[in-house]
Amino acid sequence: MEFLEVVQTYFRGERLESALFVVPGGLLLIGLGIAAIRSETPAFAWSVAVPCFLFGLLFLGVGVGISLRTPGQVAALLQGLETDAANTLAAEIARMDKVLANFHLVLPTFGGIAFGGLVLRFAVSTDWAQGLGSILVLLGGIGLLTDGFASRRAVPYIDALAAEHDRSSAERQRGETNSAADAE
């Protein structure tokens, strides 16, 4: 796959995941919180509703934000590749290294959230613990799924960035060598 195809594939996946999974997931969580308040006992209802509202709003904000920023991000990256490929690639590699490092922290955190939810759900026999535990399992699973997709999508993109940076740097060095030879 050519480098620009990898770029388009990476950002298309980011935008689609945000628009078709993260945003609807946020709306679903808010709807679940409303349904819990309207149909359950107070302790259970609020232990479900509060995290659903908080994470639902977070998902909406993140999903909409990523969906809106991605086209501009791609345009700026493509323009930078045309005007100063080596520096643009180095900056994008540094950004993506931070993104990948973040996944190494976030994915275990989501696993811990899900595990904590299982403990609450099955080890504590109160309404609030069972409601909160169930929602924490759901939220941990959603986080593992969304960031699991994103981290898997990032790896080939980072590999392609590194390969293109190496190619671009080699071309630049050949150009400098040829310019020096022409000057003599």
N, C-alpha and C. Protein backbone atom coordinates (compact mmCIF):
# COMPACT_ATOMS: atom_id res chain seq x y z
N MET A 1 0.86 -1.18 0.00
CA MET A 1 0.00 0.00 0.00
C MET A 1 0.90 1.24 0.00
N GLU A 2 0.59 2.19 -0.85
CA GLU A 2 1.38 3.42 -0.92
C GLU A 2 1.16 4.26 0.34
N PHE A 3 2.15 5.11 0.60
CA PHE A 3 2.13 5.90 1.82
C PHE A 3 0.85 6.74 1.96
N LEU A 4 0.47 7.45 0.92
CA LEU A 4 -0.72 8.31 1.02
C LEU A 4 -1.99 7.50 1.23
N GLU A 5 -2.02 6.27 0.72
CA GLU A 5 -3.17 5.39 0.99
C GLU A 5 -3.22 5.02 2.47
N VAL A 6 -2.05 4.77 3.06
CA VAL A 6 -1.99 4.44 4.49
C VAL A 6 -2.48 5.62 5.31
N VAL A 7 -2.07 6.83 4.95
CA VAL A 7 -2.52 8.05 5.65
C VAL A 7 -4.04 8.16 5.57
N GLN A 8 -4.58 8.02 4.36
CA GLN A 8 -6.03 8.14 4.18
C GLN A 8 -6.77 7.04 4.94
N THR A 9 -6.25 5.83 4.91
CA THR A 9 -6.88 4.71 5.62
C THR A 9 -6.89 4.96 7.13
N TYR A 10 -5.77 5.43 7.66
CA TYR A 10 -5.69 5.69 9.10
C TYR A 10 -6.72 6.74 9.53
N PHE A 11 -6.73 7.86 8.84
CA PHE A 11 -7.62 8.95 9.25
C PHE A 11 -9.08 8.66 8.92
N ARG A 12 -9.34 7.91 7.85
CA ARG A 12 -10.72 7.49 7.56
C ARG A 12 -11.24 6.60 8.69
N GLY A 13 -10.40 5.68 9.15
CA GLY A 13 -10.79 4.81 10.25
C GLY A 13 -11.04 5.60 11.53
N GLU A 14 -10.20 6.60 11.78
CA GLU A 14 -10.39 7.43 12.98
C GLU A 14 -11.71 8.18 12.93
N ARG A 15 -11.98 8.74 11.77
CA ARG A 15 -13.22 9.52 11.62
C ARG A 15 -14.46 8.63 11.67
N LEU A 16 -14.41 7.49 11.00
CA LEU A 16 -15.55 6.57 11.01
C LEU A 16 -15.81 6.01 12.41
N GLU A 17 -14.76 5.63 13.10
CA GLU A 17 -14.94 5.11 14.46
C GLU A 17 -15.58 6.16 15.35
N SER A 18 -15.15 7.39 15.20
CA SER A 18 -15.72 8.46 16.02
C SER A 18 -17.17 8.73 15.67
N ALA A 19 -17.45 8.84 14.39
CA ALA A 19 -18.80 9.21 13.95
C ALA A 19 -19.81 8.07 14.09
N LEU A 20 -19.35 6.83 13.87
CA LEU A 20 -20.29 5.72 13.82
C LEU A 20 -20.30 4.84 15.08
N PHE A 21 -19.33 5.04 15.96
CA PHE A 21 -19.30 4.23 17.18
C PHE A 21 -19.25 5.09 18.44
N VAL A 22 -18.34 6.03 18.50
CA VAL A 22 -18.16 6.80 19.73
C VAL A 22 -19.35 7.73 19.98
N VAL A 23 -19.75 8.49 18.97
CA VAL A 23 -20.91 9.39 19.14
C VAL A 23 -22.19 8.62 19.44
N PRO A 24 -22.54 7.60 18.64
CA PRO A 24 -23.74 6.83 18.99
C PRO A 24 -23.63 6.14 20.35
N GLY A 25 -22.41 5.69 20.71
CA GLY A 25 -22.21 5.10 22.03
C GLY A 25 -22.50 6.09 23.14
N GLY A 26 -22.08 7.34 22.94
CA GLY A 26 -22.38 8.39 23.93
C GLY A 26 -23.87 8.62 24.06
N LEU A 27 -24.57 8.67 22.93
CA LEU A 27 -26.02 8.85 22.97
C LEU A 27 -26.71 7.66 23.63
N LEU A 28 -26.23 6.46 23.35
CA LEU A 28 -26.79 5.26 23.96
C LEU A 28 -26.60 5.28 25.48
N LEU A 29 -25.42 5.70 25.93
CA LEU A 29 -25.18 5.77 27.37
C LEU A 29 -26.11 6.78 28.04
N ILE A 30 -26.29 7.92 27.42
CA ILE A 30 -27.20 8.92 27.98
C ILE A 30 -28.62 8.36 28.02
N GLY A 31 -29.04 7.69 26.96
CA GLY A 31 -30.36 7.06 26.95
C GLY A 31 -30.50 6.00 28.02
N LEU A 32 -29.45 5.23 28.24
CA LEU A 32 -29.47 4.20 29.28
C LEU A 32 -29.59 4.84 30.67
N GLY A 33 -28.88 5.95 30.87
CA GLY A 33 -29.00 6.67 32.14
C GLY A 33 -30.42 7.18 32.38
N ILE A 34 -31.03 7.72 31.35
CA ILE A 34 -32.42 8.20 31.47
C ILE A 34 -33.36 7.04 31.76
N ALA A 35 -33.17 5.93 31.05
CA ALA A 35 -34.03 4.76 31.27
C ALA A 35 -33.88 4.24 32.70
N ALA A 36 -32.67 4.25 33.23
CA ALA A 36 -32.46 3.77 34.60
C ALA A 36 -33.19 4.65 35.61
N ILE A 37 -33.11 5.96 35.43
CA ILE A 37 -33.78 6.88 36.35
C ILE A 37 -35.29 6.70 36.30
N ARG A 38 -35.82 6.46 35.12
CA ARG A 38 -37.27 6.36 34.96
C ARG A 38 -37.84 5.01 35.38
N SER A 39 -36.97 3.99 35.50
CA SER A 39 -37.55 2.67 35.72
C SER A 39 -37.00 1.89 36.91
N GLU A 40 -35.99 2.40 37.60
CA GLU A 40 -35.36 1.62 38.66
C GLU A 40 -35.48 2.31 40.02
N THR A 41 -35.13 1.56 41.06
CA THR A 41 -35.09 2.12 42.41
C THR A 41 -33.98 3.15 42.48
N PRO A 42 -34.09 4.14 43.36
CA PRO A 42 -33.12 5.24 43.38
C PRO A 42 -31.65 4.83 43.48
N ALA A 43 -31.30 3.93 44.37
CA ALA A 43 -29.88 3.58 44.53
C ALA A 43 -29.32 2.96 43.25
N PHE A 44 -30.05 2.03 42.68
CA PHE A 44 -29.61 1.40 41.44
C PHE A 44 -29.62 2.41 40.30
N ALA A 45 -30.71 3.17 40.19
CA ALA A 45 -30.88 4.12 39.09
C ALA A 45 -29.74 5.13 39.03
N TRP A 46 -29.43 5.76 40.14
CA TRP A 46 -28.41 6.80 40.15
C TRP A 46 -27.01 6.23 39.99
N SER A 47 -26.78 5.00 40.47
CA SER A 47 -25.46 4.40 40.29
C SER A 47 -25.22 4.00 38.84
N VAL A 48 -26.29 3.83 38.09
CA VAL A 48 -26.19 3.59 36.65
C VAL A 48 -26.17 4.92 35.90
N ALA A 49 -27.06 5.82 36.26
CA ALA A 49 -27.25 7.05 35.49
C ALA A 49 -26.05 7.99 35.53
N VAL A 50 -25.47 8.20 36.70
CA VAL A 50 -24.38 9.18 36.80
C VAL A 50 -23.20 8.80 35.90
N PRO A 51 -22.65 7.57 35.99
CA PRO A 51 -21.56 7.26 35.07
C PRO A 51 -21.99 7.25 33.60
N CYS A 52 -23.24 6.86 33.35
CA CYS A 52 -23.73 6.89 31.96
C CYS A 52 -23.76 8.32 31.42
N PHE A 53 -24.23 9.25 32.23
CA PHE A 53 -24.27 10.65 31.79
C PHE A 53 -22.86 11.20 31.60
N LEU A 54 -21.98 10.94 32.56
CA LEU A 54 -20.62 11.47 32.48
C LEU A 54 -19.87 10.91 31.28
N PHE A 55 -19.88 9.59 31.15
CA PHE A 55 -19.17 8.98 30.03
C PHE A 55 -19.89 9.23 28.71
N GLY A 56 -21.20 9.31 28.73
CA GLY A 56 -21.94 9.63 27.51
C GLY A 56 -21.56 10.99 26.97
N LEU A 57 -21.50 11.98 27.85
CA LEU A 57 -21.09 13.33 27.42
C LEU A 57 -19.63 13.34 26.97
N LEU A 58 -18.79 12.60 27.67
CA LEU A 58 -17.38 12.50 27.27
C LEU A 58 -17.27 11.87 25.88
N PHE A 59 -17.98 10.78 25.65
CA PHE A 59 -17.94 10.14 24.34
C PHE A 59 -18.46 11.07 23.25
N LEU A 60 -19.55 11.77 23.54
CA LEU A 60 -20.07 12.71 22.55
C LEU A 60 -19.04 13.77 22.20
N GLY A 61 -18.44 14.36 23.23
CA GLY A 61 -17.44 15.41 23.00
C GLY A 61 -16.23 14.91 22.22
N VAL A 62 -15.71 13.76 22.63
CA VAL A 62 -14.54 13.20 21.94
C VAL A 62 -14.91 12.80 20.51
N GLY A 63 -16.02 12.13 20.34
CA GLY A 63 -16.43 11.68 19.01
C GLY A 63 -16.66 12.82 18.04
N VAL A 64 -17.40 13.83 18.48
CA VAL A 64 -17.66 14.99 17.63
C VAL A 64 -16.35 15.74 17.36
N GLY A 65 -15.54 15.91 18.40
CA GLY A 65 -14.27 16.62 18.24
C GLY A 65 -13.37 15.95 17.22
N ILE A 66 -13.21 14.64 17.31
CA ILE A 66 -12.36 13.92 16.36
C ILE A 66 -12.95 13.98 14.96
N SER A 67 -14.26 13.81 14.85
CA SER A 67 -14.89 13.86 13.54
C SER A 67 -14.71 15.22 12.87
N LEU A 68 -14.76 16.28 13.65
CA LEU A 68 -14.63 17.63 13.09
C LEU A 68 -13.18 18.01 12.80
N ARG A 69 -12.24 17.56 13.62
CA ARG A 69 -10.84 17.99 13.45
C ARG A 69 -10.10 17.18 12.39
N THR A 70 -10.54 15.96 12.11
CA THR A 70 -9.78 15.07 11.24
C THR A 70 -9.58 15.62 9.83
N PRO A 71 -10.59 16.17 9.15
CA PRO A 71 -10.34 16.68 7.79
C PRO A 71 -9.26 17.77 7.75
N GLY A 72 -9.29 18.68 8.71
CA GLY A 72 -8.27 19.72 8.76
C GLY A 72 -6.89 19.16 9.09
N GLN A 73 -6.87 18.15 9.94
CA GLN A 73 -5.61 17.50 10.31
C GLN A 73 -4.99 16.82 9.08
N VAL A 74 -5.81 16.15 8.30
CA VAL A 74 -5.31 15.48 7.08
C VAL A 74 -4.82 16.53 6.08
N ALA A 75 -5.58 17.59 5.89
CA ALA A 75 -5.18 18.64 4.94
C ALA A 75 -3.85 19.26 5.34
N ALA A 76 -3.69 19.56 6.63
CA ALA A 76 -2.43 20.15 7.10
C ALA A 76 -1.27 19.17 6.93
N LEU A 77 -1.51 17.90 7.20
CA LEU A 77 -0.46 16.89 7.02
C LEU A 77 -0.05 16.78 5.56
N LEU A 78 -1.02 16.71 4.66
CA LEU A 78 -0.72 16.60 3.24
C LEU A 78 0.00 17.84 2.72
N GLN A 79 -0.40 19.01 3.18
CA GLN A 79 0.29 20.24 2.78
C GLN A 79 1.72 20.25 3.30
N GLY A 80 1.90 19.83 4.55
CA GLY A 80 3.24 19.76 5.11
C GLY A 80 4.13 18.78 4.37
N LEU A 81 3.54 17.68 3.90
CA LEU A 81 4.32 16.70 3.14
C LEU A 81 4.80 17.29 1.81
N GLU A 82 4.02 18.19 1.23
CA GLU A 82 4.41 18.81 -0.03
C GLU A 82 5.49 19.87 0.18
N THR A 83 5.41 20.63 1.27
CA THR A 83 6.33 21.75 1.47
C THR A 83 7.59 21.38 2.25
N ASP A 84 7.47 20.51 3.24
CA ASP A 84 8.63 20.13 4.06
C ASP A 84 8.40 18.72 4.62
N ALA A 85 8.57 17.75 3.76
CA ALA A 85 8.23 16.37 4.11
C ALA A 85 8.99 15.87 5.33
N ALA A 86 10.27 16.10 5.40
CA ALA A 86 11.08 15.53 6.49
C ALA A 86 10.62 16.05 7.85
N ASN A 87 10.43 17.34 7.97
CA ASN A 87 10.00 17.91 9.26
C ASN A 87 8.56 17.54 9.59
N THR A 88 7.71 17.50 8.58
CA THR A 88 6.31 17.10 8.80
C THR A 88 6.25 15.66 9.28
N LEU A 89 7.00 14.79 8.64
CA LEU A 89 7.01 13.39 9.05
C LEU A 89 7.58 13.21 10.45
N ALA A 90 8.65 13.94 10.75
CA ALA A 90 9.24 13.85 12.10
C ALA A 90 8.25 14.30 13.16
N ALA A 91 7.52 15.38 12.88
CA ALA A 91 6.53 15.88 13.84
C ALA A 91 5.37 14.90 14.00
N GLU A 92 4.93 14.30 12.91
CA GLU A 92 3.81 13.34 12.98
C GLU A 92 4.24 12.05 13.68
N ILE A 93 5.48 11.63 13.45
CA ILE A 93 5.99 10.45 14.16
C ILE A 93 6.03 10.72 15.66
N ALA A 94 6.51 11.90 16.05
CA ALA A 94 6.56 12.25 17.48
C ALA A 94 5.15 12.28 18.08
N ARG A 95 4.20 12.84 17.34
CA ARG A 95 2.81 12.90 17.83
C ARG A 95 2.25 11.49 17.99
N MET A 96 2.47 10.65 17.01
CA MET A 96 1.92 9.30 17.06
C MET A 96 2.62 8.44 18.11
N ASP A 97 3.90 8.69 18.37
CA ASP A 97 4.58 7.98 19.45
C ASP A 97 3.90 8.28 20.79
N LYS A 98 3.49 9.54 20.98
CA LYS A 98 2.77 9.91 22.20
C LYS A 98 1.40 9.22 22.25
N VAL A 99 0.73 9.18 21.11
CA VAL A 99 -0.58 8.52 21.03
C VAL A 99 -0.44 7.04 21.40
N LEU A 100 0.56 6.38 20.82
CA LEU A 100 0.77 4.96 21.09
C LEU A 100 1.14 4.73 22.56
N ALA A 101 1.97 5.60 23.12
CA ALA A 101 2.32 5.48 24.54
C ALA A 101 1.08 5.64 25.41
N ASN A 102 0.18 6.51 25.01
CA ASN A 102 -1.06 6.72 25.75
C ASN A 102 -1.91 5.45 25.75
N PHE A 103 -1.94 4.73 24.63
CA PHE A 103 -2.70 3.48 24.59
C PHE A 103 -2.18 2.47 25.61
N HIS A 104 -0.87 2.46 25.83
CA HIS A 104 -0.29 1.52 26.80
C HIS A 104 -0.74 1.84 28.22
N LEU A 105 -1.19 3.06 28.47
CA LEU A 105 -1.74 3.42 29.77
C LEU A 105 -3.25 3.25 29.82
N VAL A 106 -3.92 3.65 28.75
CA VAL A 106 -5.38 3.68 28.74
C VAL A 106 -5.99 2.28 28.66
N LEU A 107 -5.44 1.40 27.84
CA LEU A 107 -6.03 0.07 27.70
C LEU A 107 -6.03 -0.70 29.02
N PRO A 108 -4.92 -0.74 29.77
CA PRO A 108 -4.99 -1.41 31.09
C PRO A 108 -5.95 -0.71 32.06
N THR A 109 -6.07 0.60 31.93
CA THR A 109 -7.02 1.33 32.79
C THR A 109 -8.44 0.87 32.51
N PHE A 110 -8.80 0.74 31.23
CA PHE A 110 -10.13 0.25 30.90
C PHE A 110 -10.33 -1.18 31.39
N GLY A 111 -9.29 -1.99 31.30
CA GLY A 111 -9.37 -3.34 31.84
C GLY A 111 -9.61 -3.31 33.34
N GLY A 112 -8.94 -2.40 34.04
CA GLY A 112 -9.13 -2.25 35.49
C GLY A 112 -10.53 -1.79 35.83
N ILE A 113 -11.07 -0.88 35.02
CA ILE A 113 -12.44 -0.42 35.23
C ILE A 113 -13.42 -1.59 35.10
N ALA A 114 -13.23 -2.39 34.06
CA ALA A 114 -14.11 -3.55 33.86
C ALA A 114 -13.96 -4.55 35.01
N PHE A 115 -12.72 -4.79 35.44
CA PHE A 115 -12.50 -5.72 36.54
C PHE A 115 -13.13 -5.19 37.84
N GLY A 116 -12.94 -3.90 38.10
CA GLY A 116 -13.56 -3.29 39.29
C GLY A 116 -15.08 -3.42 39.24
N GLY A 117 -15.64 -3.28 38.04
CA GLY A 117 -17.08 -3.45 37.88
C GLY A 117 -17.53 -4.86 38.20
N LEU A 118 -16.75 -5.84 37.77
CA LEU A 118 -17.08 -7.24 38.08
C LEU A 118 -17.04 -7.48 39.58
N VAL A 119 -16.03 -6.93 40.25
CA VAL A 119 -15.92 -7.09 41.70
C VAL A 119 -17.13 -6.48 42.39
N LEU A 120 -17.46 -5.23 42.02
CA LEU A 120 -18.63 -4.60 42.63
C LEU A 120 -19.91 -5.39 42.36
N ARG A 121 -20.07 -5.82 41.13
CA ARG A 121 -21.31 -6.50 40.74
C ARG A 121 -21.51 -7.80 41.50
N PHE A 122 -20.44 -8.55 41.72
CA PHE A 122 -20.59 -9.87 42.30
C PHE A 122 -20.15 -9.99 43.76
N ALA A 123 -19.41 -9.02 44.27
CA ALA A 123 -18.91 -9.13 45.64
C ALA A 123 -19.67 -8.26 46.63
N VAL A 124 -20.40 -7.28 46.14
CA VAL A 124 -21.13 -6.38 47.03
C VAL A 124 -22.62 -6.51 46.69
N SER A 125 -23.41 -6.79 47.70
CA SER A 125 -24.82 -7.09 47.42
C SER A 125 -25.76 -5.93 47.73
N THR A 126 -25.36 -4.73 47.33
CA THR A 126 -26.27 -3.59 47.46
C THR A 126 -26.70 -3.15 46.07
N ASP A 127 -27.83 -2.46 46.01
CA ASP A 127 -28.33 -2.00 44.72
C ASP A 127 -27.34 -1.10 44.00
N TRP A 128 -26.76 -0.13 44.73
CA TRP A 128 -25.85 0.82 44.09
C TRP A 128 -24.62 0.11 43.54
N ALA A 129 -24.07 -0.88 44.27
CA ALA A 129 -22.87 -1.59 43.82
C ALA A 129 -23.18 -2.44 42.59
N GLN A 130 -24.34 -3.06 42.56
CA GLN A 130 -24.69 -3.87 41.41
C GLN A 130 -24.93 -3.02 40.17
N GLY A 131 -25.57 -1.87 40.36
CA GLY A 131 -25.78 -0.97 39.23
C GLY A 131 -24.48 -0.38 38.72
N LEU A 132 -23.68 0.16 39.64
CA LEU A 132 -22.39 0.75 39.26
C LEU A 132 -21.47 -0.32 38.67
N GLY A 133 -21.43 -1.48 39.28
CA GLY A 133 -20.58 -2.55 38.77
C GLY A 133 -20.93 -2.94 37.35
N SER A 134 -22.21 -3.07 37.07
CA SER A 134 -22.63 -3.43 35.71
C SER A 134 -22.22 -2.37 34.70
N ILE A 135 -22.40 -1.11 35.05
CA ILE A 135 -22.03 -0.03 34.13
C ILE A 135 -20.52 0.06 33.96
N LEU A 136 -19.77 -0.17 35.02
CA LEU A 136 -18.31 -0.14 34.88
C LEU A 136 -17.81 -1.24 33.95
N VAL A 137 -18.44 -2.41 34.00
CA VAL A 137 -18.08 -3.48 33.06
C VAL A 137 -18.35 -3.02 31.63
N LEU A 138 -19.52 -2.42 31.42
CA LEU A 138 -19.87 -1.93 30.09
C LEU A 138 -18.89 -0.85 29.62
N LEU A 139 -18.61 0.13 30.48
CA LEU A 139 -17.71 1.22 30.11
C LEU A 139 -16.30 0.72 29.84
N GLY A 140 -15.82 -0.20 30.67
CA GLY A 140 -14.50 -0.77 30.44
C GLY A 140 -14.44 -1.51 29.11
N GLY A 141 -15.51 -2.25 28.81
CA GLY A 141 -15.56 -2.97 27.53
C GLY A 141 -15.60 -2.04 26.34
N ILE A 142 -16.38 -0.97 26.44
CA ILE A 142 -16.43 0.01 25.35
C ILE A 142 -15.06 0.64 25.14
N GLY A 143 -14.41 1.01 26.24
CA GLY A 143 -13.08 1.61 26.14
C GLY A 143 -12.07 0.66 25.53
N LEU A 144 -12.10 -0.59 25.97
CA LEU A 144 -11.17 -1.58 25.40
C LEU A 144 -11.42 -1.77 23.90
N LEU A 145 -12.67 -1.76 23.51
CA LEU A 145 -13.00 -1.96 22.10
C LEU A 145 -12.58 -0.75 21.26
N THR A 146 -12.97 0.45 21.66
CA THR A 146 -12.65 1.64 20.85
C THR A 146 -11.15 1.89 20.79
N ASP A 147 -10.48 1.85 21.94
CA ASP A 147 -9.04 2.09 21.92
C ASP A 147 -8.28 0.89 21.37
N GLY A 148 -8.86 -0.30 21.46
CA GLY A 148 -8.26 -1.46 20.82
C GLY A 148 -8.22 -1.30 19.31
N PHE A 149 -9.34 -0.86 18.73
CA PHE A 149 -9.36 -0.57 17.30
C PHE A 149 -8.35 0.52 16.96
N ALA A 150 -8.37 1.59 17.73
CA ALA A 150 -7.51 2.73 17.44
C ALA A 150 -6.02 2.36 17.54
N SER A 151 -5.65 1.60 18.55
CA SER A 151 -4.24 1.24 18.69
C SER A 151 -3.79 0.31 17.57
N ARG A 152 -4.67 -0.59 17.15
CA ARG A 152 -4.32 -1.49 16.04
C ARG A 152 -4.18 -0.70 14.73
N ARG A 153 -5.00 0.31 14.56
CA ARG A 153 -4.95 1.14 13.36
C ARG A 153 -3.68 2.00 13.36
N ALA A 154 -3.20 2.38 14.53
CA ALA A 154 -2.04 3.28 14.64
C ALA A 154 -0.73 2.60 14.25
N VAL A 155 -0.59 1.32 14.52
CA VAL A 155 0.70 0.64 14.31
C VAL A 155 1.14 0.68 12.84
N PRO A 156 0.30 0.25 11.87
CA PRO A 156 0.77 0.33 10.48
C PRO A 156 0.97 1.78 10.01
N TYR A 157 0.20 2.70 10.58
CA TYR A 157 0.37 4.11 10.23
C TYR A 157 1.74 4.61 10.69
N ILE A 158 2.12 4.28 11.92
CA ILE A 158 3.43 4.69 12.43
C ILE A 158 4.55 4.04 11.63
N ASP A 159 4.39 2.77 11.29
CA ASP A 159 5.38 2.08 10.46
C ASP A 159 5.53 2.77 9.11
N ALA A 160 4.42 3.15 8.50
CA ALA A 160 4.46 3.83 7.19
C ALA A 160 5.10 5.21 7.32
N LEU A 161 4.80 5.92 8.41
CA LEU A 161 5.44 7.22 8.64
C LEU A 161 6.96 7.07 8.73
N ALA A 162 7.41 6.09 9.50
CA ALA A 162 8.86 5.88 9.67
C ALA A 162 9.52 5.52 8.34
N ALA A 163 8.89 4.64 7.56
CA ALA A 163 9.45 4.25 6.26
C ALA A 163 9.51 5.44 5.31
N GLU A 164 8.45 6.24 5.30
CA GLU A 164 8.42 7.43 4.43
C GLU A 164 9.44 8.46 4.89
N HIS A 165 9.62 8.60 6.19
CA HIS A 165 10.64 9.53 6.73
C HIS A 165 12.02 9.09 6.28
N ASP A 166 12.31 7.79 6.37
CA ASP A 166 13.61 7.27 5.93
C ASP A 166 13.81 7.52 4.44
N ARG A 167 12.78 7.26 3.64
CA ARG A 167 12.86 7.49 2.20
C ARG A 167 13.08 8.96 1.88
N SER A 168 12.32 9.83 2.56
CA SER A 168 12.42 11.27 2.34
C SER A 168 13.80 11.80 2.74
N SER A 169 14.31 11.30 3.86
CA SER A 169 15.64 11.74 4.33
C SER A 169 16.72 11.30 3.35
N ALA A 170 16.59 10.09 2.82
CA ALA A 170 17.58 9.59 1.85
C ALA A 170 17.53 10.43 0.58
N GLU A 171 16.34 10.78 0.11
CA GLU A 171 16.21 11.63 -1.08
C GLU A 171 16.83 13.00 -0.84
N ARG A 172 16.60 13.54 0.35
CA ARG A 172 17.15 14.86 0.69
C ARG A 172 18.67 14.82 0.71
N GLN A 173 19.23 13.74 1.28
CA GLN A 173 20.68 13.62 1.31
C GLN A 173 21.26 13.47 -0.09
N ARG A 174 20.58 12.71 -0.95
CA ARG A 174 21.05 12.57 -2.33
C ARG A 174 21.01 13.92 -3.04
N GLY A 175 19.94 14.69 -2.78
CA GLY A 175 19.83 16.01 -3.39
C GLY A 175 20.93 16.94 -2.92
N GLU A 176 21.26 16.89 -1.64
CA GLU A 176 22.33 17.74 -1.11
C GLU A 176 23.68 17.33 -1.67
N THR A 177 23.89 16.02 -1.82
CA THR A 177 25.14 15.51 -2.37
C THR A 177 25.28 15.94 -3.84
N ASN A 178 24.16 15.82 -4.59
CA ASN A 178 24.19 16.23 -6.01
C ASN A 178 24.42 17.73 -6.13
N SER A 179 23.82 18.53 -5.25
CA SER A 179 24.01 19.99 -5.29
C SER A 179 25.46 20.35 -5.00
N ALA A 180 26.06 19.67 -4.05
CA ALA A 180 27.46 19.91 -3.70
C ALA A 180 28.37 19.53 -4.87
N ALA A 181 28.06 18.42 -5.54
CA ALA A 181 28.86 17.98 -6.68
C ALA A 181 28.71 18.94 -7.85
N ASP A 182 27.50 19.47 -8.06
CA ASP A 182 27.27 20.43 -9.15
C ASP A 182 27.99 21.74 -8.89
N ALA A 183 28.14 22.13 -7.63
CA ALA A 183 28.78 23.39 -7.27
C ALA A 183 30.29 23.32 -7.53
N GLU A 184 30.85 22.11 -7.52
CA GLU A 184 32.30 21.98 -7.74
C GLU A 184 32.56 22.10 -9.17
